[in-house]
PDB file of N, CA and C in Angstrom:
ATOM      1  N   UNK A   1      98.386  92.265 136.282  1.00  0.00           N
ATOM      2  CA  UNK A   1      98.147  91.657 135.301  1.00  0.00           C
ATOM      3  C   UNK A   1      97.179  92.364 134.306  1.00  0.00           C
ATOM      4  N   UNK A   2      96.322  93.286 134.973  1.00  0.00           N
ATOM      5  CA  UNK A   2      95.372  94.189 134.534  1.00  0.00           C
ATOM      6  C   UNK A   2      96.123  95.422 133.718  1.00  0.00           C
ATOM      7  N   UNK A   3      97.260  95.914 134.393  1.00  0.00           N
ATOM      8  CA  UNK A   3      97.850  96.683 133.480  1.00  0.00           C
ATOM      9  C   UNK A   3      98.553  96.282 132.292  1.00  0.00           C
ATOM     10  N   UNK A   4      99.010  95.272 132.443  1.00  0.00           N
ATOM     11  CA  UNK A   4      99.922  94.446 131.224  1.00  0.00           C
ATOM     12  C   UNK A   4      98.966  94.320 130.275  1.00  0.00           C
ATOM     13  N   UNK A   5      97.885  93.734 130.446  1.00  0.00           N
ATOM     14  CA  UNK A   5      96.610  93.504 129.354  1.00  0.00           C
ATOM     15  C   UNK A   5      96.078  94.723 128.918  1.00  0.00           C
ATOM     16  N   UNK A   6      96.016  95.774 129.633  1.00  0.00           N
ATOM     17  CA  UNK A   6      95.596  97.060 129.154  1.00  0.00           C
ATOM     18  C   UNK A   6      96.583  97.643 128.260  1.00  0.00           C
ATOM     19  N   UNK A   7      97.994  97.428 128.626  1.00  0.00           N
ATOM     20  CA  UNK A   7      98.890  98.027 127.718  1.00  0.00           C
ATOM     21  C   UNK A   7      99.068  97.280 126.405  1.00  0.00           C
ATOM     22  N   UNK A   8      98.950  95.921 126.402  1.00  0.00           N
ATOM     23  CA  UNK A   8      98.620  95.169 125.219  1.00  0.00           C
ATOM     24  C   UNK A   8      97.620  95.572 124.171  1.00  0.00           C
ATOM     25  N   UNK A   9      96.612  95.977 124.842  1.00  0.00           N
ATOM     26  CA  UNK A   9      95.372  96.359 124.083  1.00  0.00           C
ATOM     27  C   UNK A   9      95.696  97.868 123.268  1.00  0.00           C
ATOM     28  N   UNK A  10      96.065  98.591 124.371  1.00  0.00           N
ATOM     29  CA  UNK A  10      96.308  99.966 123.709  1.00  0.00           C
ATOM     30  C   UNK A  10      97.521  99.830 122.762  1.00  0.00           C
ATOM     31  N   UNK A  11      98.286  99.194 122.951  1.00  0.00           N
ATOM     32  CA  UNK A  11      99.599  99.130 121.903  1.00  0.00           C
ATOM     33  C   UNK A  11      99.043  98.619 120.617  1.00  0.00           C
ATOM     34  N   UNK A  12      98.314  97.574 120.614  1.00  0.00           N
ATOM     35  CA  UNK A  12      97.567  96.710 119.651  1.00  0.00           C
ATOM     36  C   UNK A  12      96.659  97.722 118.729  1.00  0.00           C
ATOM     37  N   UNK A  13      95.950  98.594 119.400  1.00  0.00           N
ATOM     38  CA  UNK A  13      95.152  99.479 118.849  1.00  0.00           C
ATOM     39  C   UNK A  13      95.875 100.348 118.160  1.00  0.00           C
ATOM     40  N   UNK A  14      97.011 100.956 118.608  1.00  0.00           N
ATOM     41  CA  UNK A  14      97.943 101.901 117.943  1.00  0.00           C
ATOM     42  C   UNK A  14      98.680 101.228 116.778  1.00  0.00           C
ATOM     43  N   UNK A  15      99.226 100.316 116.923  1.00  0.00           N
ATOM     44  CA  UNK A  15      99.950  99.695 115.842  1.00  0.00           C
ATOM     45  C   UNK A  15      98.867  99.314 114.637  1.00  0.00           C
ATOM     46  N   UNK A  16      97.558  98.851 114.789  1.00  0.00           N
ATOM     47  CA  UNK A  16      96.492  98.698 113.828  1.00  0.00           C
ATOM     48  C   UNK A  16      96.373  99.928 113.129  1.00  0.00           C
ATOM     49  N   UNK A  17      96.163 101.150 113.999  1.00  0.00           N
ATOM     50  CA  UNK A  17      95.985 102.375 113.328  1.00  0.00           C
ATOM     51  C   UNK A  17      97.044 102.882 112.352  1.00  0.00           C
ATOM     52  N   UNK A  18      98.181 102.663 112.783  1.00  0.00           N
ATOM     53  CA  UNK A  18      99.347 102.951 111.924  1.00  0.00           C
ATOM     54  C   UNK A  18      99.543 101.945 110.732  1.00  0.00           C
ATOM     55  N   UNK A  19      99.218 101.045 110.957  1.00  0.00           N
ATOM     56  CA  UNK A  19      99.297 100.080 109.716  1.00  0.00           C
ATOM     57  C   UNK A  19      98.176 100.205 108.641  1.00  0.00           C
ATOM     58  N   UNK A  20      96.940 100.352 109.328  1.00  0.00           N
ATOM     59  CA  UNK A  20      95.913 100.767 108.634  1.00  0.00           C
ATOM     60  C   UNK A  20      96.314 102.136 107.556  1.00  0.00           C
ATOM     61  N   UNK A  21      96.838 103.127 108.483  1.00  0.00           N
ATOM     62  CA  UNK A  21      97.295 104.236 107.605  1.00  0.00           C
ATOM     63  C   UNK A  21      98.237 103.981 106.633  1.00  0.00           C
ATOM     64  N   UNK A  22      99.286 103.207 106.930  1.00  0.00           N
ATOM     65  CA  UNK A  22     100.380 102.719 106.067  1.00  0.00           C
ATOM     66  C   UNK A  22      99.921 102.204 104.630  1.00  0.00           C
ATOM     67  N   UNK A  23      98.881 101.260 104.876  1.00  0.00           N
ATOM     68  CA  UNK A  23      98.104 100.465 103.809  1.00  0.00           C
ATOM     69  C   UNK A  23      97.406 101.483 102.945  1.00  0.00           C
ATOM     70  N   UNK A  24      96.675 102.218 103.593  1.00  0.00           N
ATOM     71  CA  UNK A  24      95.743 103.079 102.694  1.00  0.00           C
ATOM     72  C   UNK A  24      96.612 104.252 101.892  1.00  0.00           C
ATOM     73  N   UNK A  25      97.713 104.670 102.622  1.00  0.00           N
ATOM     74  CA  UNK A  25      98.446 105.483 102.105  1.00  0.00           C
ATOM     75  C   UNK A  25      99.553 105.104 100.999  1.00  0.00           C
ATOM     76  N   UNK A  26     100.139 103.768 101.279  1.00  0.00           N
ATOM     77  CA  UNK A  26     101.327 103.356 100.322  1.00  0.00           C
ATOM     78  C   UNK A  26     100.913 102.063  99.912  1.00  0.00           C
ATOM     79  N   UNK A  27      99.743 101.453 100.154  1.00  0.00           N
ATOM     80  CA  UNK A  27      99.556  99.975  99.529  1.00  0.00           C
ATOM     81  C   UNK A  27     100.277  98.967 100.469  1.00  0.00           C
ATOM     82  N   UNK A  28     100.370  97.752  99.790  1.00  0.00           N
ATOM     83  CA  UNK A  28     100.863  96.643 100.376  1.00  0.00           C
ATOM     84  C   UNK A  28     102.402  96.594  99.736  1.00  0.00           C
ATOM     85  N   UNK A  29     103.122  97.641  99.726  1.00  0.00           N
ATOM     86  CA  UNK A  29     104.377  97.256  99.006  1.00  0.00           C
ATOM     87  C   UNK A  29     105.562  97.294 100.209  1.00  0.00           C
ATOM     88  N   UNK A  30     105.283  97.002 101.226  1.00  0.00           N
ATOM     89  CA  UNK A  30     106.094  96.994 102.400  1.00  0.00           C
ATOM     90  C   UNK A  30     107.321  96.266 102.409  1.00  0.00           C
ATOM     91  N   UNK A  31     107.229  95.250 101.560  1.00  0.00           N
ATOM     92  CA  UNK A  31     108.552  94.387 101.324  1.00  0.00           C
ATOM     93  C   UNK A  31     109.446  94.956 100.749  1.00  0.00           C
ATOM     94  N   UNK A  32     109.078  95.631  99.471  1.00  0.00           N
ATOM     95  CA  UNK A  32     110.304  96.540  99.020  1.00  0.00           C
ATOM     96  C   UNK A  32     110.687  97.579  99.664  1.00  0.00           C
ATOM     97  N   UNK A  33     109.936  98.313 100.321  1.00  0.00           N
ATOM     98  CA  UNK A  33     110.365  99.498 101.329  1.00  0.00           C
ATOM     99  C   UNK A  33     111.196  98.803 102.187  1.00  0.00           C
ATOM    100  N   UNK A  34     111.061  97.851 103.031  1.00  0.00           N
ATOM    101  CA  UNK A  34     111.717  97.124 103.978  1.00  0.00           C
ATOM    102  C   UNK A  34     113.211  96.767 103.504  1.00  0.00           C
ATOM    103  N   UNK A  35     113.114  96.188 102.524  1.00  0.00           N
ATOM    104  CA  UNK A  35     114.494  95.784 101.838  1.00  0.00           C
ATOM    105  C   UNK A  35     115.431  96.923 101.483  1.00  0.00           C
ATOM    106  N   UNK A  36     114.844  97.967 100.865  1.00  0.00           N
ATOM    107  CA  UNK A  36     115.382  99.184 100.383  1.00  0.00           C
ATOM    108  C   UNK A  36     115.848 100.009 101.520  1.00  0.00           C
ATOM    109  N   UNK A  37     115.233  99.815 102.544  1.00  0.00           N
ATOM    110  CA  UNK A  37     115.779 100.759 103.580  1.00  0.00           C
ATOM    111  C   UNK A  37     117.201 100.352 104.286  1.00  0.00           C
ATOM    112  N   UNK A  38     117.596  99.198 103.925  1.00  0.00           N
ATOM    113  CA  UNK A  38     118.759  98.533 104.520  1.00  0.00           C
ATOM    114  C   UNK A  38     120.114  99.387 104.059  1.00  0.00           C
ATOM    115  N   UNK A  39     119.675 100.067 103.006  1.00  0.00           N
ATOM    116  CA  UNK A  39     120.806 100.896 102.374  1.00  0.00           C
ATOM    117  C   UNK A  39     120.976 102.144 103.425  1.00  0.00           C
ATOM    118  N   UNK A  40     120.268 102.643 104.308  1.00  0.00           N
ATOM    119  CA  UNK A  40     120.405 103.602 105.189  1.00  0.00           C
ATOM    120  C   UNK A  40     120.911 103.106 106.483  1.00  0.00           C
ATOM    121  N   UNK A  41     121.935 103.386 107.156  1.00  0.00           N
ATOM    122  CA  UNK A  41     122.498 102.797 108.277  1.00  0.00           C
ATOM    123  C   UNK A  41     121.494 102.631 109.588  1.00  0.00           C
ATOM    124  N   UNK A  42     120.849 103.819 109.916  1.00  0.00           N
ATOM    125  CA  UNK A  42     119.944 103.671 110.865  1.00  0.00           C
ATOM    126  C   UNK A  42     118.690 102.728 110.653  1.00  0.00           C
ATOM    127  N   UNK A  43     118.028 102.886 109.359  1.00  0.00           N
ATOM    128  CA  UNK A  43     116.956 101.970 108.958  1.00  0.00           C
ATOM    129  C   UNK A  43     117.495 100.535 108.904  1.00  0.00           C
ATOM    130  N   UNK A  44     118.552 100.123 108.559  1.00  0.00           N
ATOM    131  CA  UNK A  44     119.169  99.009 108.524  1.00  0.00           C
ATOM    132  C   UNK A  44     119.207  98.462 109.902  1.00  0.00           C
ATOM    133  N   UNK A  45     119.505  99.508 110.945  1.00  0.00           N
ATOM    134  CA  UNK A  45     119.808  99.008 112.489  1.00  0.00           C
ATOM    135  C   UNK A  45     118.277  98.565 112.681  1.00  0.00           C
ATOM    136  N   UNK A  46     117.391  99.366 112.624  1.00  0.00           N
ATOM    137  CA  UNK A  46     115.862  99.161 112.925  1.00  0.00           C
ATOM    138  C   UNK A  46     115.416  98.103 112.512  1.00  0.00           C
ATOM    139  N   UNK A  47     115.621  97.773 111.085  1.00  0.00           N
ATOM    140  CA  UNK A  47     115.110  96.818 110.356  1.00  0.00           C
ATOM    141  C   UNK A  47     115.599  95.568 110.786  1.00  0.00           C
ATOM    142  N   UNK A  48     116.889  95.294 110.973  1.00  0.00           N
ATOM    143  CA  UNK A  48     117.719  94.293 111.374  1.00  0.00           C
ATOM    144  C   UNK A  48     117.127  93.869 112.916  1.00  0.00           C
ATOM    145  N   UNK A  49     117.178  94.989 113.838  1.00  0.00           N
ATOM    146  CA  UNK A  49     116.597  94.615 114.839  1.00  0.00           C
ATOM    147  C   UNK A  49     115.200  93.835 115.008  1.00  0.00           C
ATOM    148  N   UNK A  50     114.231  94.473 114.102  1.00  0.00           N
ATOM    149  CA  UNK A  50     112.917  94.139 114.123  1.00  0.00           C
ATOM    150  C   UNK A  50     112.917  92.503 113.420  1.00  0.00           C
ATOM    151  N   UNK A  51     113.649  92.182 112.195  1.00  0.00           N
ATOM    152  CA  UNK A  51     113.654  91.120 111.748  1.00  0.00           C
ATOM    153  C   UNK A  51     114.274  89.924 112.813  1.00  0.00           C
ATOM    154  N   UNK A  52     115.174  90.221 113.508  1.00  0.00           N
ATOM    155  CA  UNK A  52     115.662  89.291 114.472  1.00  0.00           C
ATOM    156  C   UNK A  52     114.784  89.097 115.368  1.00  0.00           C
ATOM    157  N   UNK A  53     113.963  89.999 115.848  1.00  0.00           N
ATOM    158  CA  UNK A  53     113.039  90.234 117.188  1.00  0.00           C
ATOM    159  C   UNK A  53     112.073  89.187 116.918  1.00  0.00           C
ATOM    160  N   UNK A  54     111.532  89.395 115.491  1.00  0.00           N
ATOM    161  CA  UNK A  54     110.593  88.379 114.839  1.00  0.00           C
ATOM    162  C   UNK A  54     110.856  86.993 114.851  1.00  0.00           C
ATOM    163  N   UNK A  55     112.228  86.591 114.395  1.00  0.00           N
ATOM    164  CA  UNK A  55     112.658  85.196 114.477  1.00  0.00           C
ATOM    165  C   UNK A  55     112.758  84.856 115.780  1.00  0.00           C
ATOM    166  N   UNK A  56     113.003  85.653 116.890  1.00  0.00           N
ATOM    167  CA  UNK A  56     113.404  84.955 118.204  1.00  0.00           C
ATOM    168  C   UNK A  56     111.795  84.912 118.687  1.00  0.00           C
ATOM    169  N   UNK A  57     110.921  85.800 118.459  1.00  0.00           N
ATOM    170  CA  UNK A  57     109.414  85.414 118.926  1.00  0.00           C
ATOM    171  C   UNK A  57     108.941  83.985 118.280  1.00  0.00           C
ATOM    172  N   UNK A  58     109.248  84.053 116.908  1.00  0.00           N
ATOM    173  CA  UNK A  58     108.665  82.848 116.350  1.00  0.00           C
ATOM    174  C   UNK A  58     109.207  81.448 116.884  1.00  0.00           C
ATOM    175  N   UNK A  59     110.652  81.445 117.149  1.00  0.00           N
ATOM    176  CA  UNK A  59     111.507  80.569 117.926  1.00  0.00           C
ATOM    177  C   UNK A  59     110.588  80.036 119.138  1.00  0.00           C
ATOM    178  N   UNK A  60     110.464  81.402 120.043  1.00  0.00           N
ATOM    179  CA  UNK A  60     109.708  80.916 121.410  1.00  0.00           C
ATOM    180  C   UNK A  60     108.425  80.626 121.313  1.00  0.00           C
ATOM    181  N   UNK A  61     107.457  80.966 120.438  1.00  0.00           N
ATOM    182  CA  UNK A  61     106.444  80.333 120.134  1.00  0.00           C
ATOM    183  C   UNK A  61     106.572  78.899 119.779  1.00  0.00           C
ATOM    184  N   UNK A  62     106.898  78.687 118.809  1.00  0.00           N
ATOM    185  CA  UNK A  62     107.281  77.343 118.386  1.00  0.00           C
ATOM    186  C   UNK A  62     107.622  76.447 119.516  1.00  0.00           C
ATOM    187  N   UNK A  63     108.628  76.927 120.499  1.00  0.00           N
ATOM    188  CA  UNK A  63     109.106  76.266 121.442  1.00  0.00           C
ATOM    189  C   UNK A  63     108.012  76.066 122.580  1.00  0.00           C
ATOM    190  N   UNK A  64     107.233  77.101 122.857  1.00  0.00           N
ATOM    191  CA  UNK A  64     106.234  77.166 124.134  1.00  0.00           C
ATOM    192  C   UNK A  64     105.000  76.271 123.646  1.00  0.00           C
ATOM    193  N   UNK A  65     104.597  76.327 122.365  1.00  0.00           N
ATOM    194  CA  UNK A  65     103.313  75.519 121.900  1.00  0.00           C
ATOM    195  C   UNK A  65     103.625  73.960 121.636  1.00  0.00           C
ATOM    196  N   UNK A  66     102.574  73.385 121.604  1.00  0.00           N
ATOM    197  CA  UNK A  66     102.890  72.009 121.364  1.00  0.00           C
ATOM    198  C   UNK A  66     101.976  71.429 120.163  1.00  0.00           C
ATOM    199  N   UNK A  67     102.360  70.373 119.415  1.00  0.00           N
ATOM    200  CA  UNK A  67     101.714  69.600 118.452  1.00  0.00           C
ATOM    201  C   UNK A  67     101.416  70.807 117.421  1.00  0.00           C
ATOM    202  N   UNK A  68     100.087  70.853 116.822  1.00  0.00           N
ATOM    203  CA  UNK A  68      99.437  71.630 115.514  1.00  0.00           C
ATOM    204  C   UNK A  68      99.760  73.081 116.086  1.00  0.00           C
ATOM    205  N   UNK A  69      99.529  73.377 117.334  1.00  0.00           N
ATOM    206  CA  UNK A  69      99.602  74.846 117.742  1.00  0.00           C
ATOM    207  C   UNK A  69     100.915  75.448 117.665  1.00  0.00           C
ATOM    208  N   UNK A  70     101.962  74.470 117.347  1.00  0.00           N
ATOM    209  CA  UNK A  70     103.121  75.138 117.092  1.00  0.00           C
ATOM    210  C   UNK A  70     103.014  76.190 115.646  1.00  0.00           C
ATOM    211  N   UNK A  71     102.160  75.951 114.815  1.00  0.00           N
ATOM    212  CA  UNK A  71     101.945  76.754 113.628  1.00  0.00           C
ATOM    213  C   UNK A  71     101.491  78.466 113.948  1.00  0.00           C
ATOM    214  N   UNK A  72     101.161  78.553 115.474  1.00  0.00           N
ATOM    215  CA  UNK A  72     100.829  79.861 115.584  1.00  0.00           C
ATOM    216  C   UNK A  72     102.166  80.811 115.461  1.00  0.00           C
ATOM    217  N   UNK A  73     103.434  80.230 115.392  1.00  0.00           N
ATOM    218  CA  UNK A  73     104.648  81.037 115.407  1.00  0.00           C
ATOM    219  C   UNK A  73     104.523  81.419 113.824  1.00  0.00           C
ATOM    220  N   UNK A  74     104.074  81.023 112.802  1.00  0.00           N
ATOM    221  CA  UNK A  74     104.231  81.511 111.473  1.00  0.00           C
ATOM    222  C   UNK A  74     103.578  82.988 111.211  1.00  0.00           C
ATOM    223  N   UNK A  75     102.349  83.308 111.773  1.00  0.00           N
ATOM    224  CA  UNK A  75     101.861  84.638 111.610  1.00  0.00           C
ATOM    225  C   UNK A  75     102.660  85.638 112.279  1.00  0.00           C
ATOM    226  N   UNK A  76     103.868  85.396 113.091  1.00  0.00           N
ATOM    227  CA  UNK A  76     104.695  86.438 113.705  1.00  0.00           C
ATOM    228  C   UNK A  76     105.143  87.231 112.523  1.00  0.00           C
ATOM    229  N   UNK A  77     105.309  86.980 111.408  1.00  0.00           N
ATOM    230  CA  UNK A  77     105.776  87.848 110.536  1.00  0.00           C
ATOM    231  C   UNK A  77     105.049  89.160 110.360  1.00  0.00           C
ATOM    232  N   UNK A  78     103.737  89.079 110.742  1.00  0.00           N
ATOM    233  CA  UNK A  78     102.795  90.157 110.710  1.00  0.00           C
ATOM    234  C   UNK A  78     103.126  91.197 111.777  1.00  0.00           C
ATOM    235  N   UNK A  79     104.113  90.964 112.642  1.00  0.00           N
ATOM    236  CA  UNK A  79     104.555  91.924 113.634  1.00  0.00           C
ATOM    237  C   UNK A  79     103.653  92.181 114.844  1.00  0.00           C
ATOM    238  N   UNK A  80     103.706  93.159 115.309  1.00  0.00           N
ATOM    239  CA  UNK A  80     102.877  93.519 116.594  1.00  0.00           C
ATOM    240  C   UNK A  80     101.385  93.049 116.352  1.00  0.00           C
ATOM    241  N   UNK A  81     100.864  93.391 114.885  1.00  0.00           N
ATOM    242  CA  UNK A  81      99.375  93.227 114.649  1.00  0.00           C
ATOM    243  C   UNK A  81      99.046  91.578 115.311  1.00  0.00           C
ATOM    244  N   UNK A  82      99.899  90.621 115.207  1.00  0.00           N
ATOM    245  CA  UNK A  82      99.680  89.333 115.675  1.00  0.00           C
ATOM    246  C   UNK A  82     100.182  89.023 117.146  1.00  0.00           C
ATOM    247  N   UNK A  83     101.576  89.687 117.249  1.00  0.00           N
ATOM    248  CA  UNK A  83     102.142  89.155 118.663  1.00  0.00           C
ATOM    249  C   UNK A  83     101.412  89.725 119.794  1.00  0.00           C
ATOM    250  N   UNK A  84     101.073  91.048 119.616  1.00  0.00           N
ATOM    251  CA  UNK A  84     100.335  91.695 120.954  1.00  0.00           C
ATOM    252  C   UNK A  84      99.260  90.746 121.300  1.00  0.00           C
ATOM    253  N   UNK A  85      98.092  90.462 120.286  1.00  0.00           N
ATOM    254  CA  UNK A  85      97.016  89.759 120.602  1.00  0.00           C
ATOM    255  C   UNK A  85      97.393  88.121 121.153  1.00  0.00           C
ATOM    256  N   UNK A  86      98.508  87.780 120.678  1.00  0.00           N
ATOM    257  CA  UNK A  86      98.807  86.303 121.180  1.00  0.00           C
ATOM    258  C   UNK A  86      99.421  86.529 122.661  1.00  0.00           C
ATOM    259  N   UNK A  87     100.134  87.549 122.848  1.00  0.00           N
ATOM    260  CA  UNK A  87     100.563  87.781 124.271  1.00  0.00           C
ATOM    261  C   UNK A  87      99.523  88.105 125.384  1.00  0.00           C
ATOM    262  N   UNK A  88      98.458  88.891 124.661  1.00  0.00           N
ATOM    263  CA  UNK A  88      97.179  89.117 125.577  1.00  0.00           C
ATOM    264  C   UNK A  88      96.411  87.832 125.780  1.00  0.00           C
ATOM    265  N   UNK A  89      96.421  87.114 124.919  1.00  0.00           N
ATOM    266  CA  UNK A  89      95.615  85.602 125.239  1.00  0.00           C
ATOM    267  C   UNK A  89      96.637  84.875 125.888  1.00  0.00           C
ATOM    268  N   UNK A  90      97.899  84.708 125.818  1.00  0.00           N
ATOM    269  CA  UNK A  90      98.743  84.038 126.766  1.00  0.00           C
ATOM    270  C   UNK A  90      98.819  84.539 128.127  1.00  0.00           C
ATOM    271  N   UNK A  91      98.303  85.635 128.415  1.00  0.00           N
ATOM    272  CA  UNK A  91      98.441  86.132 129.801  1.00  0.00           C
ATOM    273  C   UNK A  91      97.040  85.445 130.684  1.00  0.00           C
ATOM    274  N   UNK A  92      96.137  84.769 129.806  1.00  0.00           N
ATOM    275  CA  UNK A  92      95.050  83.932 130.441  1.00  0.00           C
ATOM    276  C   UNK A  92      95.451  82.628 130.619  1.00  0.00           C
ATOM    277  N   UNK A  93      96.586  82.247 130.222  1.00  0.00           N
ATOM    278  CA  UNK A  93      97.055  80.944 130.386  1.00  0.00           C
ATOM    279  C   UNK A  93      97.848  80.532 131.790  1.00  0.00           C
ATOM    280  N   UNK A  94      97.967  79.569 132.243  1.00  0.00           N
ATOM    281  CA  UNK A  94      98.881  79.352 133.572  1.00  0.00           C
ATOM    282  C   UNK A  94     100.431  78.598 132.966  1.00  0.00           C
ATOM    283  N   UNK A  95     100.184  78.631 131.524  1.00  0.00           N
ATOM    284  CA  UNK A  95     101.400  77.507 131.074  1.00  0.00           C
ATOM    285  C   UNK A  95     102.760  78.069 131.511  1.00  0.00           C
ATOM    286  N   UNK A  96     103.467  77.111 132.085  1.00  0.00           N
ATOM    287  CA  UNK A  96     104.732  77.626 132.320  1.00  0.00           C
ATOM    288  C   UNK A  96     105.697  76.555 131.528  1.00  0.00           C
ATOM    289  N   UNK A  97     106.820  77.149 131.228  1.00  0.00           N
ATOM    290  CA  UNK A  97     107.689  76.395 130.514  1.00  0.00           C
ATOM    291  C   UNK A  97     108.769  75.957 131.297  1.00  0.00           C
ATOM    292  N   UNK A  98     109.161  74.595 131.206  1.00  0.00           N
ATOM    293  CA  UNK A  98     109.999  74.231 132.243  1.00  0.00           C
ATOM    294  C   UNK A  98     111.125  73.724 131.550  1.00  0.00           C
ATOM    295  N   UNK A  99     112.361  74.034 132.066  1.00  0.00           N
ATOM    296  CA  UNK A  99     113.561  73.620 131.172  1.00  0.00           C
ATOM    297  C   UNK A  99     114.050  72.180 130.929  1.00  0.00           C
ATOM    298  N   UNK A 100     114.457  71.827 129.826  1.00  0.00           N
ATOM    299  CA  UNK A 100     114.488  70.504 129.485  1.00  0.00           C
ATOM    300  C   UNK A 100     115.450  70.049 130.285  1.00  0.00           C
ATOM    301  N   UNK A 101     115.527  68.904 130.480  1.00  0.00           N
ATOM    302  CA  UNK A 101     116.519  68.250 131.491  1.00  0.00           C
ATOM    303  C   UNK A 101     117.720  67.678 130.666  1.00  0.00           C
TER     304      UNK A 101
END
């Protein structure tokens, strides 16, 4: 588990550094860049994959959490900046999801 936690921390630090660089260089215009990139086939594939990935992670967190904690699914739109710390924190819980009967 130490290796997984270390990888999550390293990945989070890397994505935060890239995010800070992008914001300081281009500002907060990511929404328009994300949408206009769909005109290029490969960027459309990457952005589509990323968007679906985020929706599935949101669904998983909403399913895994109970009560008000289901709201933890909403910040997933921030991508790895949010999901990596969420996964890191989840490695400390013994919560197991059992299939519904």
